[in-house]
Amino acid sequence: MYAIVDIAGQQFKVEKGQEVFVHRLEGDEGAKMNFEKVLLVEDKGKVQVGTPVVEGAKVSGKIVSHLKGDKVIVFKKKRRKGYQKSNGHRQYLSKVLIEKITV
């Protein structure tokens, strides 16, 4: 059984027991979360597609930890002009454990 769910503006294909990294969520570590924007649910070969969400479907999860992702380097250059600029950042992420998918 899997579901496609919208978490913090991004779509993820999730299964029970899976850990996903999403944009930083409000809440403390260990807090329970319910995600109600379930776009698709597959159960034993039977697929339910929402318009735009599946009615009554819900994905439950728990925030495992808050962390920062890998460093992303942004490098800009204009050739023959002597212009070079280097910049970078690390994205704030939350690790979420998917506990249950209900239809």
PDB file of N, CA and C in Angstrom:
ATOM      1  N   MET A   1       0.849  -1.177   0.000  1.00  0.00           N
ATOM      2  CA  MET A   1       0.000   0.000   0.000  1.00  0.00           C
ATOM      3  C   MET A   1       0.890   1.234   0.000  1.00  0.00           C
ATOM      4  N   TYR A   2       0.597   2.144  -0.908  1.00  0.00           N
ATOM      5  CA  TYR A   2       1.321   3.408  -0.926  1.00  0.00           C
ATOM      6  C   TYR A   2       0.352   4.538  -1.225  1.00  0.00           C
ATOM      7  N   ALA A   3       0.823   5.757  -0.989  1.00  0.00           N
ATOM      8  CA  ALA A   3       0.010   6.944  -1.244  1.00  0.00           C
ATOM      9  C   ALA A   3       0.909   8.045  -1.757  1.00  0.00           C
ATOM     10  N   ILE A   4       0.319   8.937  -2.542  1.00  0.00           N
ATOM     11  CA  ILE A   4       1.007  10.158  -2.950  1.00  0.00           C
ATOM     12  C   ILE A   4       0.364  11.286  -2.174  1.00  0.00           C
ATOM     13  N   VAL A   5       1.192  11.982  -1.376  1.00  0.00           N
ATOM     14  CA  VAL A   5       0.679  12.969  -0.437  1.00  0.00           C
ATOM     15  C   VAL A   5       1.424  14.294  -0.628  1.00  0.00           C
ATOM     16  N   ASP A   6       0.715  15.388  -0.419  1.00  0.00           N
ATOM     17  CA  ASP A   6       1.285  16.733  -0.512  1.00  0.00           C
ATOM     18  C   ASP A   6       1.705  17.167   0.891  1.00  0.00           C
ATOM     19  N   ILE A   7       3.022  17.314   1.092  1.00  0.00           N
ATOM     20  CA  ILE A   7       3.568  17.745   2.375  1.00  0.00           C
ATOM     21  C   ILE A   7       4.379  19.006   2.133  1.00  0.00           C
ATOM     22  N   ALA A   8       3.964  20.104   2.753  1.00  0.00           N
ATOM     23  CA  ALA A   8       4.680  21.388   2.681  1.00  0.00           C
ATOM     24  C   ALA A   8       4.909  21.821   1.234  1.00  0.00           C
ATOM     25  N   GLY A   9       3.911  21.616   0.376  1.00  0.00           N
ATOM     26  CA  GLY A   9       3.996  22.084  -0.997  1.00  0.00           C
ATOM     27  C   GLY A   9       4.718  21.157  -1.950  1.00  0.00           C
ATOM     28  N   GLN A  10       5.187  20.008  -1.486  1.00  0.00           N
ATOM     29  CA  GLN A  10       5.844  19.040  -2.345  1.00  0.00           C
ATOM     30  C   GLN A  10       5.085  17.721  -2.290  1.00  0.00           C
ATOM     31  N   GLN A  11       5.144  16.960  -3.385  1.00  0.00           N
ATOM     32  CA  GLN A  11       4.453  15.677  -3.454  1.00  0.00           C
ATOM     33  C   GLN A  11       5.445  14.547  -3.228  1.00  0.00           C
ATOM     34  N   PHE A  12       5.037  13.587  -2.368  1.00  0.00           N
ATOM     35  CA  PHE A  12       5.886  12.461  -2.037  1.00  0.00           C
ATOM     36  C   PHE A  12       5.095  11.171  -2.181  1.00  0.00           C
ATOM     37  N   LYS A  13       5.759  10.124  -2.686  1.00  0.00           N
ATOM     38  CA  LYS A  13       5.186   8.777  -2.688  1.00  0.00           C
ATOM     39  C   LYS A  13       5.667   8.111  -1.404  1.00  0.00           C
ATOM     40  N   VAL A  14       4.731   7.762  -0.522  1.00  0.00           N
ATOM     41  CA  VAL A  14       5.096   7.251   0.796  1.00  0.00           C
ATOM     42  C   VAL A  14       4.463   5.894   1.049  1.00  0.00           C
ATOM     43  N   GLU A  15       5.128   5.098   1.875  1.00  0.00           N
ATOM     44  CA  GLU A  15       4.638   3.818   2.338  1.00  0.00           C
ATOM     45  C   GLU A  15       4.799   3.769   3.848  1.00  0.00           C
ATOM     46  N   LYS A  16       4.126   2.837   4.491  1.00  0.00           N
ATOM     47  CA  LYS A  16       4.219   2.697   5.939  1.00  0.00           C
ATOM     48  C   LYS A  16       5.644   2.316   6.330  1.00  0.00           C
ATOM     49  N   GLY A  17       6.189   2.988   7.342  1.00  0.00           N
ATOM     50  CA  GLY A  17       7.536   2.706   7.823  1.00  0.00           C
ATOM     51  C   GLY A  17       8.639   3.452   7.095  1.00  0.00           C
ATOM     52  N   GLN A  18       8.293   4.234   6.087  1.00  0.00           N
ATOM     53  CA  GLN A  18       9.281   4.974   5.310  1.00  0.00           C
ATOM     54  C   GLN A  18       9.616   6.293   5.992  1.00  0.00           C
ATOM     55  N   GLU A  19      10.871   6.737   5.857  1.00  0.00           N
ATOM     56  CA  GLU A  19      11.283   8.036   6.361  1.00  0.00           C
ATOM     57  C   GLU A  19      11.536   8.951   5.169  1.00  0.00           C
ATOM     58  N   VAL A  20      10.957  10.155   5.205  1.00  0.00           N
ATOM     59  CA  VAL A  20      11.131  11.112   4.120  1.00  0.00           C
ATOM     60  C   VAL A  20      11.680  12.415   4.684  1.00  0.00           C
ATOM     61  N   PHE A  21      12.474  13.097   3.862  1.00  0.00           N
ATOM     62  CA  PHE A  21      13.011  14.407   4.214  1.00  0.00           C
ATOM     63  C   PHE A  21      12.167  15.459   3.519  1.00  0.00           C
ATOM     64  N   VAL A  22      11.542  16.360   4.291  1.00  0.00           N
ATOM     65  CA  VAL A  22      10.670  17.398   3.748  1.00  0.00           C
ATOM     66  C   VAL A  22      11.167  18.749   4.231  1.00  0.00           C
ATOM     67  N   HIS A  23      10.660  19.820   3.617  1.00  0.00           N
ATOM     68  CA  HIS A  23      10.996  21.154   4.099  1.00  0.00           C
ATOM     69  C   HIS A  23      10.594  21.278   5.553  1.00  0.00           C
ATOM     70  N   ARG A  24      11.294  22.121   6.296  1.00  0.00           N
ATOM     71  CA  ARG A  24      11.109  22.242   7.741  1.00  0.00           C
ATOM     72  C   ARG A  24       9.648  22.440   8.108  1.00  0.00           C
ATOM     73  N   LEU A  25       9.144  21.582   9.004  1.00  0.00           N
ATOM     74  CA  LEU A  25       7.765  21.633   9.467  1.00  0.00           C
ATOM     75  C   LEU A  25       7.703  22.276  10.843  1.00  0.00           C
ATOM     76  N   GLU A  26       6.555  22.897  11.132  1.00  0.00           N
ATOM     77  CA  GLU A  26       6.313  23.425  12.470  1.00  0.00           C
ATOM     78  C   GLU A  26       6.068  22.251  13.404  1.00  0.00           C
ATOM     79  N   GLY A  27       6.648  22.295  14.577  1.00  0.00           N
ATOM     80  CA  GLY A  27       6.441  21.224  15.545  1.00  0.00           C
ATOM     81  C   GLY A  27       7.760  20.736  16.100  1.00  0.00           C
ATOM     82  N   ASP A  28       7.680  20.130  17.278  1.00  0.00           N
ATOM     83  CA  ASP A  28       8.874  19.618  17.943  1.00  0.00           C
ATOM     84  C   ASP A  28       9.189  18.212  17.467  1.00  0.00           C
ATOM     85  N   GLU A  29      10.393  17.750  17.799  1.00  0.00           N
ATOM     86  CA  GLU A  29      10.767  16.383  17.486  1.00  0.00           C
ATOM     87  C   GLU A  29       9.891  15.437  18.295  1.00  0.00           C
ATOM     88  N   GLY A  30       9.375  14.406  17.666  1.00  0.00           N
ATOM     89  CA  GLY A  30       8.482  13.457  18.314  1.00  0.00           C
ATOM     90  C   GLY A  30       7.010  13.810  18.187  1.00  0.00           C
ATOM     91  N   ALA A  31       6.705  14.984  17.605  1.00  0.00           N
ATOM     92  CA  ALA A  31       5.309  15.408  17.459  1.00  0.00           C
ATOM     93  C   ALA A  31       4.624  14.608  16.354  1.00  0.00           C
ATOM     94  N   LYS A  32       3.362  14.271  16.577  1.00  0.00           N
ATOM     95  CA  LYS A  32       2.564  13.548  15.583  1.00  0.00           C
ATOM     96  C   LYS A  32       1.996  14.548  14.577  1.00  0.00           C
ATOM     97  N   MET A  33       1.950  14.140  13.304  1.00  0.00           N
ATOM     98  CA  MET A  33       1.426  14.983  12.232  1.00  0.00           C
ATOM     99  C   MET A  33       0.416  14.176  11.424  1.00  0.00           C
ATOM    100  N   ASN A  34      -0.635  14.850  10.963  1.00  0.00           N
ATOM    101  CA  ASN A  34      -1.604  14.253  10.050  1.00  0.00           C
ATOM    102  C   ASN A  34      -1.582  15.044   8.754  1.00  0.00           C
ATOM    103  N   PHE A  35      -1.427  14.343   7.636  1.00  0.00           N
ATOM    104  CA  PHE A  35      -1.399  14.969   6.324  1.00  0.00           C
ATOM    105  C   PHE A  35      -2.682  14.583   5.604  1.00  0.00           C
ATOM    106  N   GLU A  36      -3.522  15.565   5.332  1.00  0.00           N
ATOM    107  CA  GLU A  36      -4.854  15.308   4.776  1.00  0.00           C
ATOM    108  C   GLU A  36      -4.899  15.468   3.257  1.00  0.00           C
ATOM    109  N   LYS A  37      -3.869  16.066   2.646  1.00  0.00           N
ATOM    110  CA  LYS A  37      -3.858  16.252   1.195  1.00  0.00           C
ATOM    111  C   LYS A  37      -3.295  15.007   0.521  1.00  0.00           C
ATOM    112  N   VAL A  38      -4.100  13.957   0.478  1.00  0.00           N
ATOM    113  CA  VAL A  38      -3.711  12.697  -0.160  1.00  0.00           C
ATOM    114  C   VAL A  38      -4.258  12.720  -1.583  1.00  0.00           C
ATOM    115  N   LEU A  39      -3.362  12.656  -2.559  1.00  0.00           N
ATOM    116  CA  LEU A  39      -3.746  12.799  -3.956  1.00  0.00           C
ATOM    117  C   LEU A  39      -4.063  11.458  -4.624  1.00  0.00           C
ATOM    118  N   LEU A  40      -3.436  10.370  -4.141  1.00  0.00           N
ATOM    119  CA  LEU A  40      -3.631   9.056  -4.747  1.00  0.00           C
ATOM    120  C   LEU A  40      -3.358   7.994  -3.688  1.00  0.00           C
ATOM    121  N   VAL A  41      -4.148   6.923  -3.708  1.00  0.00           N
ATOM    122  CA  VAL A  41      -3.943   5.795  -2.790  1.00  0.00           C
ATOM    123  C   VAL A  41      -4.016   4.506  -3.594  1.00  0.00           C
ATOM    124  N   GLU A  42      -3.043   3.605  -3.386  1.00  0.00           N
ATOM    125  CA  GLU A  42      -3.039   2.288  -4.021  1.00  0.00           C
ATOM    126  C   GLU A  42      -3.072   1.255  -2.917  1.00  0.00           C
ATOM    127  N   ASP A  43      -4.050   0.334  -2.979  1.00  0.00           N
ATOM    128  CA  ASP A  43      -4.189  -0.720  -1.977  1.00  0.00           C
ATOM    129  C   ASP A  43      -4.525  -2.029  -2.674  1.00  0.00           C
ATOM    130  N   LYS A  44      -3.554  -2.963  -2.694  1.00  0.00           N
ATOM    131  CA  LYS A  44      -3.727  -4.296  -3.299  1.00  0.00           C
ATOM    132  C   LYS A  44      -4.176  -4.217  -4.754  1.00  0.00           C
ATOM    133  N   GLY A  45      -3.540  -3.348  -5.526  1.00  0.00           N
ATOM    134  CA  GLY A  45      -3.855  -3.217  -6.941  1.00  0.00           C
ATOM    135  C   GLY A  45      -5.011  -2.298  -7.259  1.00  0.00           C
ATOM    136  N   LYS A  46      -5.746  -1.845  -6.256  1.00  0.00           N
ATOM    137  CA  LYS A  46      -6.869  -0.938  -6.472  1.00  0.00           C
ATOM    138  C   LYS A  46      -6.381   0.495  -6.258  1.00  0.00           C
ATOM    139  N   VAL A  47      -6.528   1.333  -7.267  1.00  0.00           N
ATOM    140  CA  VAL A  47      -6.014   2.698  -7.228  1.00  0.00           C
ATOM    141  C   VAL A  47      -7.175   3.675  -7.111  1.00  0.00           C
ATOM    142  N   GLN A  48      -7.073   4.592  -6.160  1.00  0.00           N
ATOM    143  CA  GLN A  48      -8.040   5.675  -6.018  1.00  0.00           C
ATOM    144  C   GLN A  48      -7.321   6.986  -6.301  1.00  0.00           C
ATOM    145  N   VAL A  49      -7.812   7.726  -7.279  1.00  0.00           N
ATOM    146  CA  VAL A  49      -7.232   9.011  -7.638  1.00  0.00           C
ATOM    147  C   VAL A  49      -8.189  10.097  -7.185  1.00  0.00           C
ATOM    148  N   GLY A  50      -7.657  11.103  -6.488  1.00  0.00           N
ATOM    149  CA  GLY A  50      -8.490  12.178  -5.974  1.00  0.00           C
ATOM    150  C   GLY A  50      -8.745  13.255  -7.000  1.00  0.00           C
ATOM    151  N   THR A  51      -9.792  14.036  -6.749  1.00  0.00           N
ATOM    152  CA  THR A  51     -10.123  15.178  -7.614  1.00  0.00           C
ATOM    153  C   THR A  51     -10.340  16.412  -6.759  1.00  0.00           C
ATOM    154  N   PRO A  52      -9.409  17.108  -6.247  1.00  0.00           N
ATOM    155  CA  PRO A  52      -7.963  16.859  -6.294  1.00  0.00           C
ATOM    156  C   PRO A  52      -7.457  15.973  -5.174  1.00  0.00           C
ATOM    157  N   VAL A  53      -8.236  15.745  -4.100  1.00  0.00           N
ATOM    158  CA  VAL A  53      -7.776  14.874  -3.010  1.00  0.00           C
ATOM    159  C   VAL A  53      -8.755  13.717  -2.837  1.00  0.00           C
ATOM    160  N   VAL A  54      -8.260  12.620  -2.267  1.00  0.00           N
ATOM    161  CA  VAL A  54      -9.089  11.452  -1.982  1.00  0.00           C
ATOM    162  C   VAL A  54      -9.859  11.735  -0.693  1.00  0.00           C
ATOM    163  N   GLU A  55     -11.183  11.619  -0.758  1.00  0.00           N
ATOM    164  CA  GLU A  55     -12.031  11.908   0.400  1.00  0.00           C
ATOM    165  C   GLU A  55     -11.810  10.873   1.500  1.00  0.00           C
ATOM    166  N   GLY A  56     -11.585  11.340   2.725  1.00  0.00           N
ATOM    167  CA  GLY A  56     -11.442  10.458   3.878  1.00  0.00           C
ATOM    168  C   GLY A  56     -10.074   9.825   4.030  1.00  0.00           C
ATOM    169  N   ALA A  57      -9.173  10.040   3.104  1.00  0.00           N
ATOM    170  CA  ALA A  57      -7.835   9.455   3.201  1.00  0.00           C
ATOM    171  C   ALA A  57      -6.945  10.360   4.046  1.00  0.00           C
ATOM    172  N   LYS A  58      -6.058   9.722   4.817  1.00  0.00           N
ATOM    173  CA  LYS A  58      -5.186  10.468   5.710  1.00  0.00           C
ATOM    174  C   LYS A  58      -3.891   9.698   5.895  1.00  0.00           C
ATOM    175  N   VAL A  59      -2.787  10.431   5.986  1.00  0.00           N
ATOM    176  CA  VAL A  59      -1.485   9.837   6.254  1.00  0.00           C
ATOM    177  C   VAL A  59      -1.004  10.380   7.590  1.00  0.00           C
ATOM    178  N   SER A  60      -0.652   9.483   8.507  1.00  0.00           N
ATOM    179  CA  SER A  60      -0.174   9.879   9.826  1.00  0.00           C
ATOM    180  C   SER A  60       1.327   9.670   9.890  1.00  0.00           C
ATOM    181  N   GLY A  61       2.012  10.616  10.535  1.00  0.00           N
ATOM    182  CA  GLY A  61       3.455  10.516  10.659  1.00  0.00           C
ATOM    183  C   GLY A  61       3.953  11.149  11.925  1.00  0.00           C
ATOM    184  N   LYS A  62       5.271  11.023  12.146  1.00  0.00           N
ATOM    185  CA  LYS A  62       5.900  11.573  13.332  1.00  0.00           C
ATOM    186  C   LYS A  62       7.191  12.253  12.918  1.00  0.00           C
ATOM    187  N   ILE A  63       7.448  13.435  13.470  1.00  0.00           N
ATOM    188  CA  ILE A  63       8.698  14.141  13.180  1.00  0.00           C
ATOM    189  C   ILE A  63       9.805  13.463  13.972  1.00  0.00           C
ATOM    190  N   VAL A  64      10.789  12.907  13.269  1.00  0.00           N
ATOM    191  CA  VAL A  64      11.899  12.223  13.919  1.00  0.00           C
ATOM    192  C   VAL A  64      12.953  13.231  14.356  1.00  0.00           C
ATOM    193  N   SER A  65      13.328  14.148  13.434  1.00  0.00           N
ATOM    194  CA  SER A  65      14.351  15.132  13.770  1.00  0.00           C
ATOM    195  C   SER A  65      14.297  16.306  12.808  1.00  0.00           C
ATOM    196  N   HIS A  66      14.913  17.409  13.229  1.00  0.00           N
ATOM    197  CA  HIS A  66      15.125  18.576  12.382  1.00  0.00           C
ATOM    198  C   HIS A  66      16.615  18.624  12.069  1.00  0.00           C
ATOM    199  N   LEU A  67      16.953  18.914  10.811  1.00  0.00           N
ATOM    200  CA  LEU A  67      18.350  18.928  10.415  1.00  0.00           C
ATOM    201  C   LEU A  67      18.565  19.858   9.244  1.00  0.00           C
ATOM    202  N   LYS A  68      19.820  19.984   8.836  1.00  0.00           N
ATOM    203  CA  LYS A  68      20.163  20.787   7.663  1.00  0.00           C
ATOM    204  C   LYS A  68      20.679  19.854   6.580  1.00  0.00           C
ATOM    205  N   GLY A  69      20.306  20.155   5.336  1.00  0.00           N
ATOM    206  CA  GLY A  69      20.721  19.333   4.204  1.00  0.00           C
ATOM    207  C   GLY A  69      22.162  19.623   3.802  1.00  0.00           C
ATOM    208  N   ASP A  70      22.599  18.994   2.719  1.00  0.00           N
ATOM    209  CA  ASP A  70      23.943  19.210   2.202  1.00  0.00           C
ATOM    210  C   ASP A  70      24.078  20.627   1.660  1.00  0.00           C
ATOM    211  N   LYS A  71      25.301  21.110   1.643  1.00  0.00           N
ATOM    212  CA  LYS A  71      25.560  22.453   1.139  1.00  0.00           C
ATOM    213  C   LYS A  71      25.381  22.482  -0.377  1.00  0.00           C
ATOM    214  N   VAL A  72      24.684  23.508  -0.862  1.00  0.00           N
ATOM    215  CA  VAL A  72      24.471  23.720  -2.291  1.00  0.00           C
ATOM    216  C   VAL A  72      25.288  24.937  -2.694  1.00  0.00           C
ATOM    217  N   ILE A  73      26.192  24.762  -3.647  1.00  0.00           N
ATOM    218  CA  ILE A  73      27.054  25.851  -4.108  1.00  0.00           C
ATOM    219  C   ILE A  73      26.439  26.478  -5.354  1.00  0.00           C
ATOM    220  N   VAL A  74      26.298  27.801  -5.344  1.00  0.00           N
ATOM    221  CA  VAL A  74      25.796  28.553  -6.496  1.00  0.00           C
ATOM    222  C   VAL A  74      26.974  29.378  -7.019  1.00  0.00           C
ATOM    223  N   PHE A  75      27.367  29.148  -8.276  1.00  0.00           N
ATOM    224  CA  PHE A  75      28.503  29.854  -8.860  1.00  0.00           C
ATOM    225  C   PHE A  75      28.048  30.569 -10.126  1.00  0.00           C
ATOM    226  N   LYS A  76      28.275  31.880 -10.172  1.00  0.00           N
ATOM    227  CA  LYS A  76      27.904  32.689 -11.332  1.00  0.00           C
ATOM    228  C   LYS A  76      29.176  33.238 -11.962  1.00  0.00           C
ATOM    229  N   LYS A  77      29.193  33.257 -13.297  1.00  0.00           N
ATOM    230  CA  LYS A  77      30.358  33.763 -14.011  1.00  0.00           C
ATOM    231  C   LYS A  77      29.928  34.327 -15.349  1.00  0.00           C
ATOM    232  N   LYS A  78      30.524  35.442 -15.723  1.00  0.00           N
ATOM    233  CA  LYS A  78      30.349  35.992 -17.069  1.00  0.00           C
ATOM    234  C   LYS A  78      31.720  35.974 -17.732  1.00  0.00           C
ATOM    235  N   ARG A  79      31.816  35.242 -18.810  1.00  0.00           N
ATOM    236  CA  ARG A  79      33.124  35.063 -19.430  1.00  0.00           C
ATOM    237  C   ARG A  79      33.645  36.370 -20.025  1.00  0.00           C
ATOM    238  N   ARG A  80      34.947  36.508 -19.947  1.00  0.00           N
ATOM    239  CA  ARG A  80      35.698  37.641 -20.478  1.00  0.00           C
ATOM    240  C   ARG A  80      35.324  38.972 -19.814  1.00  0.00           C
ATOM    241  N   LYS A  81      34.645  38.980 -18.701  1.00  0.00           N
ATOM    242  CA  LYS A  81      34.263  40.222 -18.022  1.00  0.00           C
ATOM    243  C   LYS A  81      34.905  40.328 -16.635  1.00  0.00           C
ATOM    244  N   GLY A  82      35.545  39.277 -16.176  1.00  0.00           N
ATOM    245  CA  GLY A  82      36.165  39.294 -14.866  1.00  0.00           C
ATOM    246  C   GLY A  82      35.160  39.186 -13.727  1.00  0.00           C
ATOM    247  N   TYR A  83      33.946  38.730 -14.023  1.00  0.00           N
ATOM    248  CA  TYR A  83      32.896  38.638 -13.006  1.00  0.00           C
ATOM    249  C   TYR A  83      32.756  37.191 -12.556  1.00  0.00           C
ATOM    250  N   GLN A  84      32.974  36.966 -11.262  1.00  0.00           N
ATOM    251  CA  GLN A  84      32.748  35.659 -10.659  1.00  0.00           C
ATOM    252  C   GLN A  84      32.105  35.881  -9.304  1.00  0.00           C
ATOM    253  N   LYS A  85      31.102  35.096  -8.986  1.00  0.00           N
ATOM    254  CA  LYS A  85      30.443  35.215  -7.694  1.00  0.00           C
ATOM    255  C   LYS A  85      30.088  33.817  -7.213  1.00  0.00           C
ATOM    256  N   SER A  86      30.489  33.497  -6.010  1.00  0.00           N
ATOM    257  CA  SER A  86      30.196  32.204  -5.418  1.00  0.00           C
ATOM    258  C   SER A  86      29.322  32.414  -4.195  1.00  0.00           C
ATOM    259  N   ASN A  87      28.301  31.592  -4.072  1.00  0.00           N
ATOM    260  CA  ASN A  87      27.373  31.695  -2.956  1.00  0.00           C
ATOM    261  C   ASN A  87      26.898  30.282  -2.628  1.00  0.00           C
ATOM    262  N   GLY A  88      26.357  30.095  -1.464  1.00  0.00           N
ATOM    263  CA  GLY A  88      25.871  28.773  -1.104  1.00  0.00           C
ATOM    264  C   GLY A  88      24.905  28.846   0.064  1.00  0.00           C
ATOM    265  N   HIS A  89      24.194  27.754   0.284  1.00  0.00           N
ATOM    266  CA  HIS A  89      23.276  27.681   1.418  1.00  0.00           C
ATOM    267  C   HIS A  89      23.034  26.225   1.780  1.00  0.00           C
ATOM    268  N   ARG A  90      22.470  26.018   2.960  1.00  0.00           N
ATOM    269  CA  ARG A  90      22.049  24.695   3.408  1.00  0.00           C
ATOM    270  C   ARG A  90      20.572  24.774   3.746  1.00  0.00           C
ATOM    271  N   GLN A  91      19.788  23.854   3.175  1.00  0.00           N
ATOM    272  CA  GLN A  91      18.342  23.870   3.355  1.00  0.00           C
ATOM    273  C   GLN A  91      17.979  23.256   4.702  1.00  0.00           C
ATOM    274  N   TYR A  92      17.009  23.875   5.403  1.00  0.00           N
ATOM    275  CA  TYR A  92      16.487  23.310   6.641  1.00  0.00           C
ATOM    276  C   TYR A  92      15.467  22.222   6.305  1.00  0.00           C
ATOM    277  N   LEU A  93      15.631  21.035   6.902  1.00  0.00           N
ATOM    278  CA  LEU A  93      14.783  19.895   6.597  1.00  0.00           C
ATOM    279  C   LEU A  93      14.214  19.285   7.869  1.00  0.00           C
ATOM    280  N   SER A  94      13.156  18.517   7.712  1.00  0.00           N
ATOM    281  CA  SER A  94      12.599  17.707   8.789  1.00  0.00           C
ATOM    282  C   SER A  94      12.531  16.268   8.296  1.00  0.00           C
ATOM    283  N   LYS A  95      12.906  15.338   9.154  1.00  0.00           N
ATOM    284  CA  LYS A  95      12.821  13.913   8.836  1.00  0.00           C
ATOM    285  C   LYS A  95      11.529  13.385   9.428  1.00  0.00           C
ATOM    286  N   VAL A  96      10.647  12.845   8.577  1.00  0.00           N
ATOM    287  CA  VAL A  96       9.314  12.398   9.000  1.00  0.00           C
ATOM    288  C   VAL A  96       9.200  10.894   8.788  1.00  0.00           C
ATOM    289  N   LEU A  97       8.759  10.173   9.817  1.00  0.00           N
ATOM    290  CA  LEU A  97       8.487   8.757   9.734  1.00  0.00           C
ATOM    291  C   LEU A  97       7.014   8.544   9.476  1.00  0.00           C
ATOM    292  N   ILE A  98       6.674   7.845   8.395  1.00  0.00           N
ATOM    293  CA  ILE A  98       5.280   7.574   8.050  1.00  0.00           C
ATOM    294  C   ILE A  98       4.810   6.370   8.870  1.00  0.00           C
ATOM    295  N   GLU A  99       3.776   6.584   9.697  1.00  0.00           N
ATOM    296  CA  GLU A  99       3.314   5.528  10.593  1.00  0.00           C
ATOM    297  C   GLU A  99       2.095   4.782  10.066  1.00  0.00           C
ATOM    298  N   LYS A 100       1.157   5.491   9.412  1.00  0.00           N
ATOM    299  CA  LYS A 100      -0.079   4.826   9.008  1.00  0.00           C
ATOM    300  C   LYS A 100      -0.698   5.546   7.819  1.00  0.00           C
ATOM    301  N   ILE A 101      -1.308   4.777   6.910  1.00  0.00           N
ATOM    302  CA  ILE A 101      -2.062   5.315   5.782  1.00  0.00           C
ATOM    303  C   ILE A 101      -3.483   4.776   5.925  1.00  0.00           C
ATOM    304  N   THR A 102      -4.454   5.669   6.074  1.00  0.00           N
ATOM    305  CA  THR A 102      -5.850   5.249   6.213  1.00  0.00           C
ATOM    306  C   THR A 102      -6.646   5.758   5.030  1.00  0.00           C
ATOM    307  N   VAL A 103      -7.580   4.932   4.569  1.00  0.00           N
ATOM    308  CA  VAL A 103      -8.422   5.300   3.428  1.00  0.00           C
ATOM    309  C   VAL A 103      -9.845   5.502   3.922  1.00  0.00           C
TER     310      VAL A 103
END
